[in-house]
N, C-alpha and C. Protein backbone atom coordinates (compact mmCIF):
# COMPACT_ATOMS: atom_id res chain seq x y z
N MET A 1 32.45 48.24 -30.20
CA MET A 1 32.97 47.87 -28.87
C MET A 1 34.57 46.63 -29.28
N ARG A 2 35.18 47.32 -27.70
CA ARG A 2 36.17 46.15 -27.87
C ARG A 2 36.13 46.02 -26.77
N ILE A 3 37.18 44.40 -26.24
CA ILE A 3 36.93 44.80 -25.24
C ILE A 3 38.69 44.66 -24.36
N ILE A 4 38.32 45.16 -23.41
CA ILE A 4 39.63 45.85 -22.44
C ILE A 4 41.13 45.38 -21.66
N GLY A 5 39.94 44.28 -22.21
CA GLY A 5 41.07 43.44 -20.92
C GLY A 5 41.23 41.38 -21.70
N GLY A 6 42.30 40.81 -20.51
CA GLY A 6 41.83 39.71 -21.08
C GLY A 6 42.55 39.17 -21.29
N ILE A 7 42.68 38.04 -22.36
CA ILE A 7 43.66 37.77 -23.30
C ILE A 7 43.07 37.52 -24.42
N HIS A 8 41.77 38.82 -24.91
CA HIS A 8 41.55 39.50 -25.97
C HIS A 8 41.62 40.67 -25.40
N LYS A 9 42.50 41.38 -25.38
CA LYS A 9 41.80 42.83 -25.00
C LYS A 9 43.03 43.16 -26.30
N ARG A 10 42.09 44.57 -26.40
CA ARG A 10 42.10 45.91 -27.88
C ARG A 10 41.56 44.50 -29.36
N ARG A 11 40.72 43.42 -29.32
CA ARG A 11 39.79 43.11 -29.81
C ARG A 11 39.12 43.69 -30.22
N ILE A 12 38.50 44.31 -31.53
CA ILE A 12 37.12 45.08 -31.79
C ILE A 12 36.12 44.30 -32.62
N ILE A 13 35.08 44.45 -31.94
CA ILE A 13 34.26 43.51 -32.22
C ILE A 13 33.04 44.57 -33.25
N HIS A 14 31.90 43.83 -33.97
CA HIS A 14 31.11 45.25 -35.45
C HIS A 14 30.22 44.24 -35.20
N PRO A 15 28.82 44.64 -33.46
CA PRO A 15 27.15 44.51 -33.22
C PRO A 15 27.17 44.25 -34.85
N PRO A 16 26.73 43.85 -34.36
CA PRO A 16 24.85 44.01 -36.02
C PRO A 16 24.32 45.37 -35.33
N LYS A 17 23.93 46.15 -36.63
CA LYS A 17 23.03 47.90 -35.96
C LYS A 17 21.10 47.10 -36.54
N ASN A 18 20.70 46.32 -35.90
CA ASN A 18 19.74 46.09 -35.70
C ASN A 18 19.36 45.38 -34.16
N LEU A 19 20.34 45.31 -33.82
CA LEU A 19 20.13 44.53 -32.83
C LEU A 19 19.19 45.31 -31.81
N PRO A 20 18.66 44.68 -30.42
CA PRO A 20 17.62 45.95 -29.22
C PRO A 20 18.66 46.34 -28.75
N VAL A 21 19.52 46.78 -28.42
CA VAL A 21 20.79 46.85 -27.35
C VAL A 21 21.12 48.72 -27.08
N ARG A 22 21.39 47.98 -25.84
CA ARG A 22 22.04 49.96 -25.04
C ARG A 22 23.01 49.58 -25.49
N PRO A 23 24.39 49.03 -25.72
CA PRO A 23 25.67 48.57 -25.26
C PRO A 23 26.21 49.86 -23.68
N THR A 24 26.77 48.98 -22.89
CA THR A 24 27.91 50.25 -21.67
C THR A 24 28.93 50.39 -22.91
N THR A 25 28.91 51.66 -22.22
CA THR A 25 30.28 52.22 -22.93
C THR A 25 31.53 52.02 -22.80
N ASP A 26 32.54 51.84 -23.70
CA ASP A 26 34.18 51.43 -23.98
C ASP A 26 34.52 52.11 -21.90
N ARG A 27 33.74 53.47 -21.94
CA ARG A 27 34.75 54.41 -21.25
C ARG A 27 34.05 53.72 -19.56
N ALA A 28 32.83 53.65 -19.47
CA ALA A 28 31.43 53.46 -18.07
C ALA A 28 32.15 51.27 -17.91
N LYS A 29 32.45 50.69 -19.05
CA LYS A 29 32.69 49.24 -19.40
C LYS A 29 34.60 49.39 -18.25
N GLU A 30 34.96 49.69 -18.49
CA GLU A 30 36.58 50.14 -18.50
C GLU A 30 36.14 50.70 -16.58
N SER A 31 36.30 51.56 -16.23
CA SER A 31 35.76 51.85 -14.68
C SER A 31 34.71 50.89 -13.87
N LEU A 32 34.59 50.76 -14.82
CA LEU A 32 33.07 48.74 -14.14
C LEU A 32 34.23 47.65 -13.81
N PHE A 33 35.11 47.21 -14.61
CA PHE A 33 36.17 46.41 -14.23
C PHE A 33 36.98 46.85 -13.17
N ASN A 34 37.90 48.36 -13.35
CA ASN A 34 38.70 48.82 -12.75
C ASN A 34 38.47 49.01 -11.02
N ILE A 35 36.88 48.78 -11.44
CA ILE A 35 36.59 48.52 -9.64
C ILE A 35 36.82 46.52 -9.54
N LEU A 36 36.42 45.99 -10.35
CA LEU A 36 35.60 44.86 -10.63
C LEU A 36 37.36 44.21 -10.00
N ASN A 37 38.67 44.63 -10.58
CA ASN A 37 39.78 43.87 -10.32
C ASN A 37 39.93 44.23 -9.24
N ASN A 38 39.43 44.59 -8.49
CA ASN A 38 39.52 44.92 -6.90
C ASN A 38 38.44 43.79 -5.49
N LEU A 39 37.98 43.65 -6.45
CA LEU A 39 36.85 43.16 -5.59
C LEU A 39 37.02 41.47 -5.93
N LEU A 40 36.72 41.09 -7.47
CA LEU A 40 37.20 40.06 -8.03
C LEU A 40 38.78 39.60 -7.66
N GLU A 41 38.51 37.81 -8.00
CA GLU A 41 39.37 37.08 -8.63
C GLU A 41 38.71 36.41 -9.59
N PHE A 42 38.74 37.05 -10.90
CA PHE A 42 38.27 36.28 -12.16
C PHE A 42 38.20 34.77 -12.32
N GLU A 43 39.22 34.84 -12.81
CA GLU A 43 39.48 33.09 -12.61
C GLU A 43 38.62 31.50 -12.16
N ASP A 44 38.48 32.26 -10.80
CA ASP A 44 37.69 31.46 -9.43
C ASP A 44 36.61 31.78 -9.63
N VAL A 45 35.63 32.70 -10.38
CA VAL A 45 35.13 33.10 -10.91
C VAL A 45 32.99 32.73 -11.53
N SER A 46 31.76 31.96 -11.39
CA SER A 46 31.11 32.00 -12.36
C SER A 46 30.56 33.27 -12.69
N ALA A 47 30.58 33.53 -13.78
CA ALA A 47 29.83 34.35 -14.03
C ALA A 47 28.23 34.30 -14.30
N LEU A 48 27.42 35.97 -14.84
CA LEU A 48 25.86 35.35 -15.52
C LEU A 48 26.13 36.94 -15.45
N ASP A 49 24.94 37.06 -17.24
CA ASP A 49 25.44 38.89 -17.73
C ASP A 49 24.07 38.28 -18.26
N LEU A 50 22.34 39.70 -17.41
CA LEU A 50 21.09 38.91 -17.51
C LEU A 50 21.18 40.16 -18.35
N PHE A 51 19.87 40.15 -18.84
CA PHE A 51 20.67 41.09 -19.84
C PHE A 51 20.75 41.85 -21.02
N ALA A 52 21.54 40.36 -21.52
CA ALA A 52 23.39 40.33 -22.17
C ALA A 52 22.87 40.56 -23.30
N GLY A 53 22.37 41.35 -24.27
CA GLY A 53 22.39 41.87 -25.56
C GLY A 53 22.92 41.86 -25.98
N THR A 54 24.29 42.52 -26.61
CA THR A 54 25.52 42.09 -27.40
C THR A 54 26.64 41.18 -27.17
N GLY A 55 26.23 40.83 -25.39
CA GLY A 55 27.62 40.27 -24.99
C GLY A 55 28.46 40.97 -24.14
N ASN A 56 28.98 42.01 -25.59
CA ASN A 56 30.29 42.71 -24.37
C ASN A 56 30.62 42.56 -23.20
N ILE A 57 30.47 42.43 -21.55
CA ILE A 57 30.18 42.15 -20.58
C ILE A 57 30.69 40.57 -20.79
N SER A 58 29.95 40.16 -21.34
CA SER A 58 30.54 38.91 -21.16
C SER A 58 31.41 38.49 -22.03
N TYR A 59 32.10 39.45 -23.02
CA TYR A 59 33.44 39.43 -23.48
C TYR A 59 34.82 39.20 -22.63
N GLU A 60 34.05 40.18 -21.51
CA GLU A 60 35.50 41.31 -20.92
C GLU A 60 35.40 39.99 -20.21
N LEU A 61 34.24 39.03 -19.34
CA LEU A 61 34.33 37.93 -18.58
C LEU A 61 35.51 37.02 -19.12
N ALA A 62 34.73 36.53 -20.01
CA ALA A 62 35.52 35.70 -20.64
C ALA A 62 36.83 36.25 -20.89
N SER A 63 36.67 36.45 -21.61
CA SER A 63 38.48 37.52 -22.13
C SER A 63 38.86 37.04 -20.18
N ARG A 64 38.86 37.45 -19.69
CA ARG A 64 39.14 36.76 -18.06
C ARG A 64 39.38 36.08 -17.71
N ASN A 65 39.83 34.83 -18.03
CA ASN A 65 39.26 33.45 -17.91
C ASN A 65 38.36 32.93 -16.27
N CYS A 66 36.91 33.23 -16.53
CA CYS A 66 36.16 32.55 -15.88
C CYS A 66 35.88 32.15 -16.19
N LYS A 67 35.99 30.87 -15.04
CA LYS A 67 35.46 29.37 -15.19
C LYS A 67 33.85 29.52 -15.77
N LEU A 68 33.21 30.63 -15.59
CA LEU A 68 32.08 29.67 -16.70
C LEU A 68 30.78 31.77 -16.90
N VAL A 69 31.13 31.86 -17.20
CA VAL A 69 29.38 33.27 -17.84
C VAL A 69 29.11 32.31 -18.92
N THR A 70 27.23 32.68 -18.59
CA THR A 70 26.83 32.47 -18.71
C THR A 70 26.07 33.87 -19.75
N SER A 71 25.25 34.19 -20.59
CA SER A 71 25.08 35.36 -20.89
C SER A 71 22.97 34.75 -21.56
N VAL A 72 22.74 35.49 -20.95
CA VAL A 72 20.78 35.33 -20.84
C VAL A 72 20.34 36.69 -21.31
N ASP A 73 19.30 36.50 -23.32
CA ASP A 73 17.97 37.10 -23.25
C ASP A 73 18.26 37.56 -24.58
N ARG A 74 17.03 37.89 -24.40
CA ARG A 74 15.38 37.11 -24.34
C ARG A 74 15.27 37.11 -25.68
N ASP A 75 16.44 37.94 -26.33
CA ASP A 75 16.12 38.68 -28.07
C ASP A 75 17.39 37.67 -29.12
N TYR A 76 16.56 36.12 -30.06
CA TYR A 76 17.27 35.17 -31.07
C TYR A 76 18.56 35.59 -31.56
N GLY A 77 18.17 37.15 -31.87
CA GLY A 77 19.57 38.13 -33.05
C GLY A 77 20.96 38.84 -31.88
N CYS A 78 19.84 38.39 -30.77
CA CYS A 78 21.71 38.67 -29.43
C CYS A 78 21.99 38.04 -29.37
N ILE A 79 21.52 36.57 -28.84
CA ILE A 79 22.31 35.37 -28.38
C ILE A 79 23.08 34.89 -29.64
N ARG A 80 22.38 35.11 -31.40
CA ARG A 80 22.94 34.29 -32.02
C ARG A 80 24.44 34.99 -32.79
N PHE A 81 24.72 36.56 -31.47
CA PHE A 81 25.48 37.17 -32.13
C PHE A 81 25.90 36.54 -31.09
N ILE A 82 25.68 36.61 -29.70
CA ILE A 82 27.00 36.91 -28.96
C ILE A 82 28.12 34.54 -29.50
N SER A 83 27.15 33.89 -29.17
CA SER A 83 27.12 32.59 -29.51
C SER A 83 28.20 32.80 -31.08
N LYS A 84 28.26 33.26 -32.15
CA LYS A 84 29.25 34.04 -33.32
C LYS A 84 30.02 34.39 -32.53
N VAL A 85 30.32 34.76 -31.26
CA VAL A 85 31.24 35.76 -30.85
C VAL A 85 32.19 35.00 -30.29
N LYS A 86 31.23 33.65 -29.98
CA LYS A 86 32.85 32.98 -28.59
C LYS A 86 32.63 31.97 -30.37
N SER A 87 32.32 31.59 -31.07
CA SER A 87 32.51 30.79 -32.36
C SER A 87 34.35 31.25 -32.66
N ASP A 88 34.23 32.22 -32.77
CA ASP A 88 35.33 33.17 -33.85
C ASP A 88 36.42 33.33 -32.66
N LEU A 89 35.84 32.82 -31.45
CA LEU A 89 37.26 33.64 -30.32
C LEU A 89 37.05 32.79 -29.68
N GLY A 90 37.18 31.11 -29.04
CA GLY A 90 37.19 30.36 -29.35
C GLY A 90 37.11 30.40 -27.39
N MET A 91 35.78 31.61 -27.39
CA MET A 91 35.23 30.80 -25.62
C MET A 91 34.74 30.16 -25.05
N GLY A 92 35.31 28.90 -24.62
CA GLY A 92 34.57 27.82 -24.36
C GLY A 92 33.64 27.88 -23.32
N ASN A 93 34.84 29.19 -22.14
CA ASN A 93 33.46 28.86 -20.45
C ASN A 93 32.02 30.25 -20.62
N LEU A 94 32.20 29.99 -22.36
CA LEU A 94 30.66 31.42 -22.60
C LEU A 94 29.58 30.44 -23.16
N LYS A 95 28.35 30.18 -21.97
CA LYS A 95 27.53 29.93 -22.71
C LYS A 95 26.47 30.80 -22.71
N PRO A 96 25.81 31.18 -24.03
CA PRO A 96 24.74 32.21 -24.16
C PRO A 96 23.09 30.93 -24.19
N ILE A 97 22.74 31.35 -23.64
CA ILE A 97 20.89 30.77 -23.20
C ILE A 97 19.92 31.93 -22.99
N LYS A 98 18.59 31.86 -24.63
CA LYS A 98 17.84 32.43 -25.51
C LYS A 98 17.13 32.21 -24.03
N GLN A 99 16.08 33.17 -23.53
CA GLN A 99 15.61 32.78 -22.24
C GLN A 99 14.77 34.40 -21.96
N ASP A 100 13.57 34.78 -21.42
CA ASP A 100 13.72 35.28 -21.21
C ASP A 100 14.16 35.84 -19.46
N VAL A 101 14.38 36.52 -19.32
CA VAL A 101 15.65 36.32 -17.84
C VAL A 101 14.78 36.24 -16.64
N PHE A 102 13.31 36.95 -16.31
CA PHE A 102 13.20 36.54 -14.87
C PHE A 102 12.92 34.93 -15.43
N ARG A 103 12.61 34.64 -16.30
CA ARG A 103 11.20 33.16 -16.11
C ARG A 103 13.20 32.30 -16.09
N PHE A 104 14.68 32.56 -16.58
CA PHE A 104 15.52 31.35 -16.08
C PHE A 104 15.59 32.21 -14.44
N VAL A 105 16.16 33.60 -14.31
CA VAL A 105 15.85 33.62 -12.50
C VAL A 105 15.29 32.60 -11.86
N GLY A 106 14.09 32.79 -11.63
CA GLY A 106 13.02 32.19 -11.33
C GLY A 106 13.10 30.30 -10.96
N SER A 107 14.02 29.84 -13.04
CA SER A 107 14.68 27.90 -12.90
C SER A 107 15.63 28.18 -12.74
N THR A 108 16.79 29.20 -12.10
CA THR A 108 18.38 28.12 -12.38
C THR A 108 18.40 28.42 -11.59
N LYS A 109 18.96 26.66 -11.01
CA LYS A 109 19.58 25.57 -9.16
C LYS A 109 21.14 26.40 -9.15
N ILE A 110 21.39 27.57 -9.70
CA ILE A 110 22.78 27.69 -10.35
C ILE A 110 23.12 28.64 -9.26
N ALA A 111 24.28 29.43 -8.55
CA ALA A 111 24.09 30.12 -7.61
C ALA A 111 26.30 30.60 -8.45
N TYR A 112 25.75 31.87 -8.72
CA TYR A 112 27.20 32.66 -9.15
C TYR A 112 27.88 33.30 -8.42
N ASP A 113 28.97 32.83 -9.19
CA ASP A 113 30.07 35.14 -7.96
C ASP A 113 30.11 36.47 -8.20
N PHE A 114 29.48 36.25 -9.22
CA PHE A 114 29.45 37.60 -9.93
C PHE A 114 27.54 37.85 -10.61
N ILE A 115 27.03 39.16 -10.90
CA ILE A 115 26.22 38.59 -11.85
C ILE A 115 26.10 40.51 -11.40
N PHE A 116 26.11 40.21 -13.46
CA PHE A 116 25.61 41.56 -13.95
C PHE A 116 24.10 40.94 -14.82
N ALA A 117 24.10 42.94 -14.71
CA ALA A 117 22.48 42.51 -15.19
C ALA A 117 22.29 44.68 -15.40
N ASP A 118 21.53 44.11 -16.65
CA ASP A 118 21.55 45.59 -17.61
C ASP A 118 20.22 46.02 -18.61
N PRO A 119 19.26 45.90 -17.75
CA PRO A 119 18.23 45.15 -18.26
C PRO A 119 17.57 47.64 -18.92
N PRO A 120 16.94 47.12 -19.90
CA PRO A 120 16.31 48.08 -20.72
C PRO A 120 15.94 49.75 -19.34
N TYR A 121 17.01 50.14 -18.83
CA TYR A 121 15.82 52.02 -18.52
C TYR A 121 14.61 51.88 -18.11
N ALA A 122 13.37 51.31 -19.55
CA ALA A 122 12.22 51.75 -18.96
C ALA A 122 11.20 50.72 -18.58
N LEU A 123 11.61 49.54 -17.99
CA LEU A 123 11.69 48.22 -17.16
C LEU A 123 10.98 49.02 -15.39
N ASN A 124 9.84 48.20 -16.18
CA ASN A 124 9.22 48.54 -14.65
C ASN A 124 9.39 47.82 -13.40
N SER A 125 10.04 46.99 -13.39
CA SER A 125 10.09 46.04 -11.92
C SER A 125 12.13 45.62 -12.20
N LEU A 126 12.94 46.92 -12.50
CA LEU A 126 13.95 47.09 -12.45
C LEU A 126 14.29 47.79 -11.39
N ILE A 127 13.92 48.16 -9.78
CA ILE A 127 14.11 48.32 -8.98
C ILE A 127 14.33 47.12 -8.31
N GLU A 128 13.36 46.36 -8.77
CA GLU A 128 12.62 44.86 -8.27
C GLU A 128 14.66 43.32 -7.54
N ILE A 129 14.81 44.28 -9.79
CA ILE A 129 16.14 43.23 -9.99
C ILE A 129 17.05 42.37 -7.80
N PRO A 130 17.68 43.68 -7.71
CA PRO A 130 18.71 43.11 -6.39
C PRO A 130 17.17 41.63 -5.28
N LYS A 131 16.54 42.72 -5.17
CA LYS A 131 15.33 41.33 -3.94
C LYS A 131 15.39 40.22 -5.03
N LEU A 132 15.07 39.84 -6.73
CA LEU A 132 14.08 38.72 -6.69
C LEU A 132 15.21 37.78 -6.95
N ILE A 133 15.83 37.88 -7.45
CA ILE A 133 18.38 37.61 -7.41
C ILE A 133 18.51 37.03 -5.96
N LEU A 134 18.24 37.51 -5.27
CA LEU A 134 18.53 37.61 -3.62
C LEU A 134 17.52 36.24 -2.44
N ASN A 135 16.16 36.43 -3.81
CA ASN A 135 15.97 35.62 -2.45
C ASN A 135 15.61 34.07 -3.51
N ASN A 136 15.70 34.30 -4.08
CA ASN A 136 15.57 33.10 -5.84
C ASN A 136 17.95 32.56 -5.40
N ASN A 137 18.21 32.44 -4.68
CA ASN A 137 19.41 32.02 -4.56
C ASN A 137 20.52 32.07 -5.46
N LEU A 138 20.10 33.29 -6.63
CA LEU A 138 21.32 33.07 -7.32
C LEU A 138 22.56 33.71 -8.06
N LEU A 139 23.20 34.61 -6.34
CA LEU A 139 24.05 34.83 -5.49
C LEU A 139 25.08 33.64 -4.36
N LYS A 140 26.28 33.85 -4.86
CA LYS A 140 27.08 33.46 -3.54
C LYS A 140 27.17 34.21 -2.65
N PRO A 141 27.56 32.98 -1.30
CA PRO A 141 27.88 33.99 -0.21
C PRO A 141 28.55 34.55 -0.69
N ASP A 142 29.02 35.84 -0.63
CA ASP A 142 29.51 36.98 -0.85
C ASP A 142 29.79 37.69 -1.58
N GLY A 143 28.83 36.61 -2.75
CA GLY A 143 28.73 37.02 -3.87
C GLY A 143 28.31 38.45 -5.15
N ILE A 144 28.90 39.55 -5.72
CA ILE A 144 28.48 40.63 -6.00
C ILE A 144 27.73 40.87 -7.04
N LEU A 145 27.10 41.95 -7.15
CA LEU A 145 26.03 42.13 -8.06
C LEU A 145 26.51 43.54 -8.44
N VAL A 146 26.17 43.78 -9.30
CA VAL A 146 25.88 44.76 -10.84
C VAL A 146 25.01 45.35 -11.79
N ILE A 147 24.16 46.37 -11.11
CA ILE A 147 23.13 46.46 -11.73
C ILE A 147 23.31 47.79 -12.72
N GLU A 148 23.49 48.29 -14.04
CA GLU A 148 23.54 48.90 -14.57
C GLU A 148 22.00 49.81 -14.98
N HIS A 149 22.07 51.07 -14.86
CA HIS A 149 20.09 51.96 -14.81
C HIS A 149 20.99 53.09 -14.76
N PRO A 150 19.36 53.97 -15.02
CA PRO A 150 19.53 55.53 -15.33
C PRO A 150 19.78 55.88 -14.31
N ASP A 151 19.88 57.04 -13.82
CA ASP A 151 20.06 57.62 -12.81
C ASP A 151 19.05 58.37 -12.25
N SER A 152 17.70 58.08 -12.36
CA SER A 152 16.26 58.11 -11.99
C SER A 152 16.10 57.13 -10.96
N ILE A 153 16.92 56.16 -10.84
CA ILE A 153 16.93 55.07 -9.97
C ILE A 153 17.92 55.14 -8.83
N ASP A 154 16.71 55.06 -7.69
CA ASP A 154 17.90 54.70 -6.15
C ASP A 154 18.18 53.53 -5.64
N PHE A 155 19.43 52.88 -5.70
CA PHE A 155 19.11 51.64 -5.19
C PHE A 155 20.22 51.54 -3.18
N THR A 156 19.87 52.70 -3.10
CA THR A 156 20.63 52.48 -1.56
C THR A 156 19.59 52.22 -0.78
N ASN A 157 18.69 51.71 -0.88
CA ASN A 157 17.63 51.63 0.20
C ASN A 157 18.07 49.72 0.20
N SER A 158 18.26 49.57 -0.59
CA SER A 158 17.76 47.82 -1.61
C SER A 158 18.70 46.95 -0.50
N PRO A 159 18.29 46.00 -1.00
CA PRO A 159 18.79 44.66 0.02
C PRO A 159 20.13 43.93 -0.07
N GLY A 160 21.04 44.52 0.17
CA GLY A 160 22.32 44.31 -0.15
C GLY A 160 23.77 45.86 -1.41
N PHE A 161 22.74 46.43 -1.09
CA PHE A 161 23.19 47.56 -2.05
C PHE A 161 24.93 48.09 -0.78
N PHE A 162 25.94 48.07 -1.88
CA PHE A 162 26.95 48.44 -0.71
C PHE A 162 27.51 50.14 -1.70
N ASP A 163 27.66 50.28 -3.12
CA ASP A 163 28.66 51.01 -3.27
C ASP A 163 27.12 51.81 -4.36
N HIS A 164 27.38 53.29 -4.93
CA HIS A 164 27.04 53.44 -6.57
C HIS A 164 27.89 54.10 -7.36
N ARG A 165 28.74 53.78 -7.75
CA ARG A 165 28.93 55.09 -9.45
C ARG A 165 28.41 55.56 -10.81
N TYR A 166 29.41 56.20 -11.00
CA TYR A 166 28.65 56.73 -12.26
C TYR A 166 29.33 57.18 -13.41
N TYR A 167 29.20 57.08 -14.28
CA TYR A 167 29.85 57.29 -15.41
C TYR A 167 29.00 57.67 -16.43
N SER A 168 28.94 59.83 -16.90
CA SER A 168 27.98 60.09 -18.24
C SER A 168 26.38 60.05 -16.98
N ARG A 169 25.54 58.20 -18.38
CA ARG A 169 24.75 58.80 -18.27
C ARG A 169 24.48 57.20 -18.02
N VAL A 170 25.52 56.23 -16.94
CA VAL A 170 25.48 55.27 -16.50
C VAL A 170 25.48 54.69 -15.53
N ASN A 171 25.19 54.73 -14.49
CA ASN A 171 24.78 54.29 -13.30
C ASN A 171 25.46 52.47 -13.06
N PHE A 172 25.81 52.30 -12.54
CA PHE A 172 26.34 51.27 -11.02
C PHE A 172 26.43 51.29 -9.78
N SER A 173 24.82 50.90 -9.68
CA SER A 173 25.32 49.54 -8.00
C SER A 173 25.35 48.84 -7.81
N PHE A 174 26.05 48.40 -6.63
CA PHE A 174 26.89 47.35 -6.44
C PHE A 174 26.28 47.10 -5.24
N PHE A 175 25.98 45.05 -5.13
CA PHE A 175 25.39 44.33 -4.32
C PHE A 175 26.46 43.19 -3.67
N ARG A 176 26.52 43.15 -2.47
CA ARG A 176 26.79 41.85 -1.58
C ARG A 176 26.17 40.85 -1.29
N ASN A 177 26.08 39.68 -1.43
CA ASN A 177 25.31 38.68 -0.49
C ASN A 177 25.72 38.65 0.38
N THR A 178 25.48 38.81 1.15
CA THR A 178 26.08 38.94 3.19
C THR A 178 24.34 38.40 3.10
N VAL A 179 23.33 37.75 2.82
CA VAL A 179 22.71 37.25 3.67
C VAL A 179 22.97 35.72 4.27
N ASN A 180 23.54 34.79 3.00
CA ASN A 180 23.79 33.42 3.33
C ASN A 180 25.34 33.35 4.11
N SER A 181 26.20 34.47 4.19
CA SER A 181 27.63 34.82 4.25
C SER A 181 27.62 34.38 6.12
N GLU A 182 28.72 34.06 6.47
CA GLU A 182 29.03 33.31 7.12
C GLU A 182 29.69 33.61 8.00
């Protein structure tokens, strides 16, 4: 796994093999960030990485100088690894949180400019994630949500949906919070 942009560009990161994760491929991640470069000014962004796993997306966001990057995962090994990389790379803008994602979503009072969610593909409630995030006011007005998902899930009728991209077996659906926009 490597960081593809920002101040830590080309940095290789070796996660432990025993983590219960499915990291986003470098090719799909590079394509995703090419799109995001046209949608976000990273330096002005507060970001949330749900189901953070190895922290792959969090490191990209922190490397691009986001104001705040919050990484949430319920697995202690994942959070321990993210904390280690944060320390090793001096990523003061990265905040790992060990908590169940759904509990976090229901309890946090912070709204974010950008949210990335990479839930387990077999998660029964995966289709409900956009509605859950919007209903809990986690996304700022005009904020962007990206969900990584299998091709068996179709979000086109979900609130705020505006784009879908796929790269081999990786699918990204894009949402914008237009509910609270002025």
